[in-house]
Amino acid sequence: MSPADPAAAFGVYVHWPFCLSKCPYCDFNSHVRHAPIDEERFTRAFAREIETTAVRSRGRTVSSIFLGGGTPSLMRPQTVGAILDAIGKHWSVADDVEVTLEANPTSVEATRFRGYRAAGVNRVSLGVQALDDSSLKALGRLHTAREAQDAVAIARSVFDRYSFDLIYARPDQTPAMWAGELQRAISEAAEHLSLYQLTIEAGTPFFDLHAAGKLKTPDEAIARDLYDVTQDVCARYGLPAYEISNHARPGAECRHNLVYWRGQEYAGIGPGAHGRLDIDGVRHAIATEKRPEAWLMRVEAIGNGMVADDLLNSEERADEFLLMGLRLREGIDPRRYAALSGRSLDPRRIAILRDEGAIMISTDGRLRVTQDGFPVLDAVVADLAA
């Protein structure tokens, strides 16, 4: 994977906020509705917000589209098609555009997947999360391990590119158990896996259970062993990490997520979406209304759901570039940091972190976090940014 020209990519993220149920570990902007969703009305609102956002970002060519959530695979294929048509109407779209749709195994069926493929989706990301039924039940997932494997098989038959997610550092999970599960996952994964350590987020049911002592996660030492197993097994089977939680065969990286990590521009469409747009030479940090119905009414009234449109100063933009870019195995070009911030990274801090084995400087001058540095990435970033 070679670092791209920072100006060469432009992504569009579309957020579908609805789920069948709320997972107890999830702090994403997702909502359960027991009444049917008015997809036609939401589709019109998505198209309207796409139109008004495109006016602010003329001249861009869309290189990637990501339909996330929530559970986008609860949308009808014609809804997905209408959203993609709206993007194509208001922006130029690259011939080789990557179009990813997130799906849960509970909402997967062959006819629906073929409908997404016909609508223009060419990559799917499946929220598998675990490969055994007891873990899936503990995580609050609605699917079984067999349903997950069936969903992966359907994805393989319909799409050339697919990925799936797993969560590790689950209660009572040992490194040996995780190594076995990971090897099974790799045998099912053609090119890409997203592997996330379970984190206990405030405001979730897991947070309350953990605080009450009713949910025990692996201690720091075991969590580190689980991380090392993740790196070693994936590298051995040809899916090395290209980002702290993402593994791919060379050339199969998720191009849309690279837009975020490389500090490139992207538009955020839908309830609770975020965007980063360069307008008149200034980076705008944009966020939309999180509540789906409030977002809907706002778009219908004024054409967009924006509730924040902040201008990032040079220091804020440089810090964001550092925070996101150091997640990548390719690291960052310190010269780009200097160009954004107006100052160079402190060579003394670089030397100390290098001596500690947390970072390295590659032959082309890029600054990269080492495998030993990734588990303490937040501390490395804070030290460099100080």
Protein backbone atom coordinates (compact mmCIF):
# COMPACT_ATOMS: atom_id res chain seq x y z
CA MET A 1 0.00 0.00 0.00
CA SER A 2 1.55 3.26 -1.10
CA PRO A 3 0.42 6.57 0.42
CA ALA A 4 -1.86 8.45 -1.93
CA ASP A 5 -1.77 12.05 -3.06
CA PRO A 6 -3.63 13.83 -0.23
CA ALA A 7 -5.81 15.68 -2.73
CA ALA A 8 -6.62 12.67 -4.91
CA ALA A 9 -9.55 11.09 -3.04
CA PHE A 10 -13.01 12.31 -2.05
CA GLY A 11 -15.46 10.16 -0.12
CA VAL A 12 -19.19 10.33 0.58
CA TYR A 13 -20.48 8.75 3.78
CA VAL A 14 -24.23 8.06 4.05
CA HIS A 15 -25.67 7.15 7.47
CA TRP A 16 -28.76 4.95 7.76
CA PRO A 17 -29.55 5.21 11.48
CA PHE A 18 -31.99 2.35 12.06
CA CYS A 19 -31.37 -1.11 13.57
CA LEU A 20 -33.55 -4.08 14.51
CA SER A 21 -32.16 -3.89 18.05
CA LYS A 22 -29.53 -1.92 19.95
CA CYS A 23 -26.40 -3.92 20.81
CA PRO A 24 -25.37 -3.50 24.48
CA TYR A 25 -21.80 -2.43 23.60
CA CYS A 26 -22.75 0.06 20.86
CA ASP A 27 -22.50 3.83 21.27
CA PHE A 28 -23.04 4.62 17.57
CA ASN A 29 -25.92 6.80 16.41
CA SER A 30 -28.39 3.96 15.88
CA HIS A 31 -32.09 3.81 16.68
CA VAL A 32 -34.77 1.13 16.93
CA ARG A 33 -38.20 1.96 15.52
CA HIS A 34 -41.13 -0.45 15.93
CA ALA A 35 -43.25 1.33 13.33
CA PRO A 36 -42.28 0.94 9.65
CA ILE A 37 -39.73 3.46 8.35
CA ASP A 38 -40.99 5.79 5.62
CA GLU A 39 -38.16 4.99 3.20
CA GLU A 40 -39.53 7.15 0.39
CA ARG A 41 -39.54 10.22 2.63
CA PHE A 42 -36.02 9.51 3.93
CA THR A 43 -34.82 8.87 0.37
CA ARG A 44 -36.05 12.30 -0.72
CA ALA A 45 -34.28 13.88 2.26
CA PHE A 46 -31.01 12.07 1.51
CA ALA A 47 -31.20 13.33 -2.08
CA ARG A 48 -31.85 16.87 -0.88
CA GLU A 49 -28.93 16.89 1.54
CA ILE A 50 -26.69 15.39 -1.15
CA GLU A 51 -27.71 18.25 -3.46
CA THR A 52 -26.99 21.03 -0.95
CA THR A 53 -23.71 19.45 0.17
CA ALA A 54 -22.56 19.07 -3.43
CA VAL A 55 -23.11 22.79 -4.00
CA ARG A 56 -20.54 23.46 -1.25
CA SER A 57 -18.03 21.00 -2.72
CA ARG A 58 -18.12 21.56 -6.45
CA GLY A 59 -15.45 20.09 -8.68
CA ARG A 60 -14.87 16.97 -6.60
CA THR A 61 -14.79 13.49 -8.08
CA VAL A 62 -16.19 10.85 -5.74
CA SER A 63 -13.72 7.99 -5.32
CA SER A 64 -15.57 6.09 -2.58
CA ILE A 65 -19.05 5.84 -1.08
CA PHE A 66 -19.80 4.16 2.24
CA LEU A 67 -23.32 3.32 3.40
CA GLY A 68 -22.99 2.87 7.16
CA GLY A 69 -25.20 2.83 10.20
CA GLY A 70 -27.20 1.62 11.90
CA THR A 71 -27.99 -1.22 9.58
CA PRO A 72 -28.02 -0.08 5.93
CA SER A 73 -28.97 -3.59 4.81
CA LEU A 74 -32.42 -2.91 6.24
CA MET A 75 -32.91 -0.52 3.30
CA ARG A 76 -34.64 -1.78 0.20
CA PRO A 77 -32.29 -2.09 -2.80
CA GLN A 78 -34.28 0.61 -4.63
CA THR A 79 -33.60 3.02 -1.73
CA VAL A 80 -29.87 2.35 -2.04
CA GLY A 81 -30.13 2.81 -5.80
CA ALA A 82 -31.89 6.17 -5.42
CA ILE A 83 -29.22 7.43 -3.00
CA LEU A 84 -26.42 6.37 -5.35
CA ASP A 85 -28.25 7.97 -8.28
CA ALA A 86 -28.46 11.25 -6.34
CA ILE A 87 -24.71 11.16 -5.66
CA GLY A 88 -24.06 10.55 -9.35
CA LYS A 89 -26.39 13.40 -10.32
CA HIS A 90 -24.68 16.03 -8.17
CA TRP A 91 -21.02 14.98 -8.21
CA SER A 92 -18.70 13.42 -10.76
CA VAL A 93 -18.07 9.79 -9.83
CA ALA A 94 -14.88 7.89 -10.66
CA ASP A 95 -15.23 4.93 -13.00
CA ASP A 96 -13.61 2.69 -10.39
CA VAL A 97 -15.57 4.08 -7.43
CA GLU A 98 -15.65 1.84 -4.35
CA VAL A 99 -19.22 1.53 -2.99
CA THR A 100 -19.44 -0.25 0.37
CA LEU A 101 -22.60 -1.22 2.24
CA GLU A 102 -22.61 -2.44 5.85
CA ALA A 103 -24.85 -5.43 6.54
CA ASN A 104 -25.85 -7.56 9.49
CA PRO A 105 -26.20 -11.32 8.95
CA THR A 106 -29.80 -11.10 10.18
CA SER A 107 -30.72 -8.87 7.24
CA VAL A 108 -28.92 -10.81 4.52
CA GLU A 109 -30.56 -12.80 1.79
CA ALA A 110 -29.33 -13.59 -1.69
CA THR A 111 -32.05 -11.68 -3.56
CA ARG A 112 -31.46 -8.54 -1.47
CA PHE A 113 -27.70 -8.73 -2.04
CA ARG A 114 -28.21 -9.16 -5.78
CA GLY A 115 -30.45 -6.08 -5.64
CA TYR A 116 -27.70 -4.06 -3.95
CA ARG A 117 -25.22 -5.23 -6.56
CA ALA A 118 -27.59 -4.14 -9.34
CA ALA A 119 -28.04 -0.76 -7.60
CA GLY A 120 -24.29 -0.10 -7.73
CA VAL A 121 -22.84 -1.53 -4.50
CA ASN A 122 -19.58 -3.38 -5.20
CA ARG A 123 -18.32 -4.15 -1.68
CA VAL A 124 -20.05 -5.28 1.53
CA SER A 125 -18.92 -5.24 5.14
CA LEU A 126 -20.64 -7.78 7.38
CA GLY A 127 -21.10 -7.29 11.13
CA VAL A 128 -20.32 -10.89 12.12
CA GLN A 129 -18.65 -9.97 15.50
CA ALA A 130 -18.09 -13.58 16.69
CA LEU A 131 -18.09 -17.13 15.32
CA ASP A 132 -19.70 -18.95 18.24
CA ASP A 133 -23.29 -18.74 19.47
CA SER A 134 -22.56 -18.12 23.15
CA SER A 135 -20.40 -15.09 22.37
CA LEU A 136 -22.97 -13.76 19.92
CA LYS A 137 -25.69 -14.05 22.56
CA ALA A 138 -23.49 -12.30 25.14
CA LEU A 139 -22.86 -9.48 22.64
CA GLY A 140 -26.60 -9.05 22.10
CA ARG A 141 -26.43 -10.10 18.47
CA LEU A 142 -29.57 -11.46 16.80
CA HIS A 143 -27.82 -13.89 14.45
CA THR A 144 -26.24 -17.30 15.01
CA ALA A 145 -22.78 -18.41 13.93
CA ARG A 146 -24.37 -20.49 11.15
CA GLU A 147 -26.32 -17.46 9.89
CA ALA A 148 -23.09 -15.46 9.89
CA GLN A 149 -21.27 -18.09 7.83
CA ASP A 150 -24.22 -18.31 5.43
CA ALA A 151 -24.16 -14.52 5.04
CA VAL A 152 -20.45 -14.58 4.24
CA ALA A 153 -21.08 -17.29 1.63
CA ILE A 154 -23.81 -15.16 0.03
CA ALA A 155 -21.51 -12.13 0.00
CA ARG A 156 -18.77 -14.22 -1.62
CA SER A 157 -21.15 -15.38 -4.36
CA VAL A 158 -22.48 -11.90 -5.18
CA PHE A 159 -19.58 -9.49 -4.62
CA ASP A 160 -15.95 -9.52 -5.71
CA ARG A 161 -15.01 -7.61 -2.56
CA TYR A 162 -16.29 -8.24 0.95
CA SER A 163 -15.14 -7.86 4.53
CA PHE A 164 -16.41 -8.72 7.97
CA ASP A 165 -15.95 -7.50 11.52
CA LEU A 166 -15.06 -9.42 14.66
CA ILE A 167 -14.85 -8.22 18.25
CA TYR A 168 -12.16 -9.64 20.54
CA ALA A 169 -11.09 -9.19 24.18
CA ARG A 170 -14.54 -10.55 25.05
CA PRO A 171 -15.30 -11.85 28.56
CA ASP A 172 -13.41 -15.10 29.34
CA GLN A 173 -11.67 -15.11 25.94
CA THR A 174 -8.15 -16.53 25.96
CA PRO A 175 -5.40 -15.95 23.37
CA ALA A 176 -5.63 -19.61 22.27
CA MET A 177 -9.40 -19.36 21.76
CA TRP A 178 -8.99 -16.15 19.78
CA ALA A 179 -6.22 -17.61 17.60
CA GLY A 180 -8.47 -20.50 16.62
CA GLU A 181 -11.44 -18.24 15.89
CA LEU A 182 -9.24 -15.90 13.87
CA GLN A 183 -7.90 -18.74 11.73
CA ARG A 184 -11.49 -19.82 10.98
CA ALA A 185 -12.36 -16.23 10.09
CA ILE A 186 -9.42 -15.89 7.72
CA SER A 187 -10.48 -19.07 5.93
CA GLU A 188 -13.81 -17.32 5.21
CA ALA A 189 -12.39 -13.85 4.46
CA ALA A 190 -11.26 -13.28 0.91
CA GLU A 191 -9.35 -10.07 1.44
CA HIS A 192 -10.26 -7.94 4.46
CA LEU A 193 -11.05 -8.19 8.18
CA SER A 194 -11.87 -5.48 10.72
CA LEU A 195 -10.88 -6.67 14.21
CA TYR A 196 -11.87 -4.50 17.15
CA GLN A 197 -11.04 -4.83 20.83
CA LEU A 198 -14.21 -4.70 22.92
CA THR A 199 -14.32 -1.31 24.60
CA ILE A 200 -16.70 -0.34 27.39
CA GLU A 201 -18.35 2.90 26.29
CA ALA A 202 -20.20 5.27 28.64
CA GLY A 203 -23.95 5.31 28.17
CA THR A 204 -24.20 1.67 27.05
CA PRO A 205 -25.69 -1.29 28.98
CA PHE A 206 -22.23 -2.90 29.02
CA PHE A 207 -20.89 0.18 30.84
CA ASP A 208 -23.44 -0.26 33.64
CA LEU A 209 -22.80 -4.01 33.87
CA HIS A 210 -19.04 -3.47 33.94
CA ALA A 211 -19.36 -0.80 36.64
CA ALA A 212 -21.48 -3.18 38.73
CA GLY A 213 -18.90 -5.96 38.41
CA LYS A 214 -21.25 -8.15 36.37
CA LEU A 215 -19.20 -7.96 33.18
CA LYS A 216 -15.52 -8.82 33.36
CA THR A 217 -13.27 -8.17 30.37
CA PRO A 218 -9.68 -9.42 29.99
CA ASP A 219 -7.11 -7.52 32.04
CA GLU A 220 -4.48 -5.33 30.40
CA ALA A 221 -1.89 -8.09 30.06
CA ILE A 222 -4.32 -10.55 28.42
CA ALA A 223 -5.69 -7.79 26.19
CA ARG A 224 -2.14 -7.12 25.00
CA ASP A 225 -1.63 -10.85 24.32
CA LEU A 226 -4.88 -10.89 22.33
CA TYR A 227 -3.66 -7.92 20.30
CA ASP A 228 -0.33 -9.62 19.58
CA VAL A 229 -2.13 -12.82 18.52
CA THR A 230 -4.25 -10.71 16.15
CA GLN A 231 -1.17 -9.22 14.48
CA ASP A 232 0.77 -12.46 14.29
CA VAL A 233 -2.01 -14.72 12.97
CA CYS A 234 -3.21 -12.22 10.38
CA ALA A 235 0.31 -11.52 9.12
CA ARG A 236 1.06 -15.24 8.89
CA TYR A 237 -2.03 -15.82 6.72
CA GLY A 238 -1.43 -12.87 4.41
CA LEU A 239 -3.70 -10.21 5.93
CA PRO A 240 -1.27 -7.82 7.66
CA ALA A 241 -2.58 -4.79 9.54
CA TYR A 242 -2.69 -1.65 7.42
CA GLU A 243 -4.47 0.25 10.23
CA ILE A 244 -4.61 -0.43 13.95
CA SER A 245 -7.84 -2.48 13.66
CA ASN A 246 -7.97 -3.36 9.95
CA HIS A 247 -6.23 -6.14 8.06
CA ALA A 248 -6.13 -6.76 4.32
CA ARG A 249 -4.32 -8.55 1.56
CA PRO A 250 -2.09 -6.00 -0.23
CA GLY A 251 -4.25 -3.88 -2.54
CA ALA A 252 -7.52 -4.83 -0.81
CA GLU A 253 -7.59 -2.05 1.78
CA CYS A 254 -10.90 -0.22 2.29
CA ARG A 255 -10.34 2.86 0.15
CA HIS A 256 -13.10 4.82 1.84
CA ASN A 257 -11.64 4.45 5.33
CA LEU A 258 -8.24 5.48 3.97
CA VAL A 259 -9.86 8.80 3.07
CA TYR A 260 -10.45 9.42 6.78
CA TRP A 261 -7.08 8.20 7.99
CA ARG A 262 -5.12 10.10 5.34
CA GLY A 263 -6.85 13.38 6.19
CA GLN A 264 -8.63 13.72 2.87
CA GLU A 265 -12.04 15.29 2.18
CA TYR A 266 -15.37 13.57 2.68
CA ALA A 267 -19.03 14.57 2.78
CA GLY A 268 -21.30 13.29 5.53
CA ILE A 269 -24.95 12.66 4.61
CA GLY A 270 -27.77 11.56 6.91
CA PRO A 271 -28.61 11.70 10.64
CA GLY A 272 -25.51 12.08 12.80
CA ALA A 273 -23.06 12.04 9.88
CA HIS A 274 -19.77 13.94 10.00
CA GLY A 275 -17.86 15.52 7.13
CA ARG A 276 -14.60 17.31 6.38
CA LEU A 277 -14.74 19.74 3.46
CA ASP A 278 -12.18 22.27 2.22
CA ILE A 279 -14.04 25.46 1.25
CA ASP A 280 -12.07 28.52 0.10
CA GLY A 281 -8.90 26.98 1.49
CA VAL A 282 -10.33 26.34 4.98
CA ARG A 283 -11.14 22.92 6.46
CA HIS A 284 -14.74 22.69 7.70
CA ALA A 285 -15.73 20.11 10.33
CA ILE A 286 -19.42 19.41 9.72
CA ALA A 287 -21.95 17.41 11.75
CA THR A 288 -25.65 16.77 11.22
CA GLU A 289 -28.57 16.37 13.62
CA LYS A 290 -28.41 12.90 15.25
CA ARG A 291 -32.12 12.25 15.85
CA PRO A 292 -33.52 10.75 12.64
CA GLU A 293 -36.92 12.43 12.67
CA ALA A 294 -35.45 15.79 13.69
CA TRP A 295 -32.87 15.48 10.90
CA LEU A 296 -35.65 14.64 8.45
CA MET A 297 -37.71 17.70 9.33
CA ARG A 298 -34.64 19.94 9.26
CA VAL A 299 -33.68 18.77 5.76
CA GLU A 300 -37.24 19.21 4.52
CA ALA A 301 -37.32 22.74 5.95
CA ILE A 302 -33.89 24.13 5.00
CA GLY A 303 -32.25 21.57 2.70
CA ASN A 304 -29.67 20.12 5.10
CA GLY A 305 -29.41 18.61 8.57
CA MET A 306 -26.30 20.53 9.68
CA VAL A 307 -26.03 21.42 13.36
CA ALA A 308 -22.26 22.17 13.35
CA ASP A 309 -20.00 23.75 10.74
CA ASP A 310 -16.75 24.55 12.51
CA LEU A 311 -13.65 26.01 10.92
CA LEU A 312 -10.50 24.15 11.94
CA ASN A 313 -7.44 26.29 12.54
CA SER A 314 -4.02 25.11 11.43
CA GLU A 315 -3.19 23.52 14.79
CA GLU A 316 -6.51 21.65 15.00
CA ARG A 317 -6.15 20.38 11.44
CA ALA A 318 -2.57 19.24 12.04
CA ASP A 319 -3.54 17.46 15.28
CA GLU A 320 -6.37 15.66 13.50
CA PHE A 321 -3.98 14.64 10.71
CA LEU A 322 -1.56 13.26 13.31
CA LEU A 323 -4.27 11.44 15.27
CA MET A 324 -5.75 9.76 12.20
CA GLY A 325 -2.59 9.23 10.15
CA LEU A 326 -0.63 7.45 12.85
CA ARG A 327 -3.33 4.77 12.97
CA LEU A 328 -2.02 3.63 9.61
CA ARG A 329 0.89 1.25 9.18
CA GLU A 330 2.21 3.60 6.47
CA GLY A 331 2.34 6.43 9.03
CA ILE A 332 2.58 10.11 8.12
CA ASP A 333 4.84 12.42 6.19
CA PRO A 334 6.21 14.89 8.81
CA ARG A 335 6.50 17.51 6.07
CA ARG A 336 2.74 17.48 5.58
CA TYR A 337 2.27 17.94 9.32
CA ALA A 338 4.62 20.94 9.21
CA ALA A 339 2.77 22.40 6.21
CA LEU A 340 -0.57 22.09 8.03
CA SER A 341 0.55 23.32 11.45
CA GLY A 342 3.23 25.83 10.58
CA ARG A 343 5.73 24.05 12.81
CA SER A 344 7.72 20.84 12.68
CA LEU A 345 7.34 17.94 15.07
CA ASP A 346 9.82 18.19 17.96
CA PRO A 347 12.92 16.14 17.01
CA ARG A 348 13.69 15.51 20.69
CA ARG A 349 10.29 13.90 21.28
CA ILE A 350 10.71 11.85 18.11
CA ALA A 351 14.14 10.67 19.33
CA ILE A 352 12.78 9.63 22.75
CA LEU A 353 9.84 7.71 21.27
CA ARG A 354 12.16 6.10 18.75
CA ASP A 355 14.55 4.99 21.50
CA GLU A 356 11.59 3.55 23.42
CA GLY A 357 10.63 1.49 20.35
CA ALA A 358 7.24 3.18 19.92
CA ILE A 359 7.93 4.79 16.53
CA MET A 360 10.30 4.44 13.63
CA ILE A 361 11.37 6.56 10.65
CA SER A 362 11.17 4.69 7.35
CA THR A 363 13.71 5.07 4.57
CA ASP A 364 11.43 7.54 2.73
CA GLY A 365 11.23 9.76 5.82
CA ARG A 366 7.73 8.74 6.96
CA LEU A 367 7.06 8.52 10.69
CA ARG A 368 5.39 5.24 11.66
CA VAL A 369 4.16 3.69 14.89
CA THR A 370 5.66 0.26 15.61
CA GLN A 371 3.71 -2.84 16.65
CA ASP A 372 4.83 -2.20 20.23
CA GLY A 373 3.66 1.40 19.94
CA PHE A 374 0.15 0.69 18.64
CA PRO A 375 -1.30 -0.50 21.98
CA VAL A 376 -0.28 2.88 23.48
CA LEU A 377 -1.10 4.92 20.36
CA ASP A 378 -3.05 7.62 22.23
CA ALA A 379 -0.04 8.34 24.44
CA VAL A 380 2.30 8.44 21.41
CA VAL A 381 0.04 10.92 19.61
CA ALA A 382 -0.33 13.09 22.71
CA ASP A 383 3.44 13.17 23.19
CA LEU A 384 4.14 14.16 19.56
CA ALA A 385 1.38 16.80 19.51
CA ALA A 386 2.48 18.48 22.75
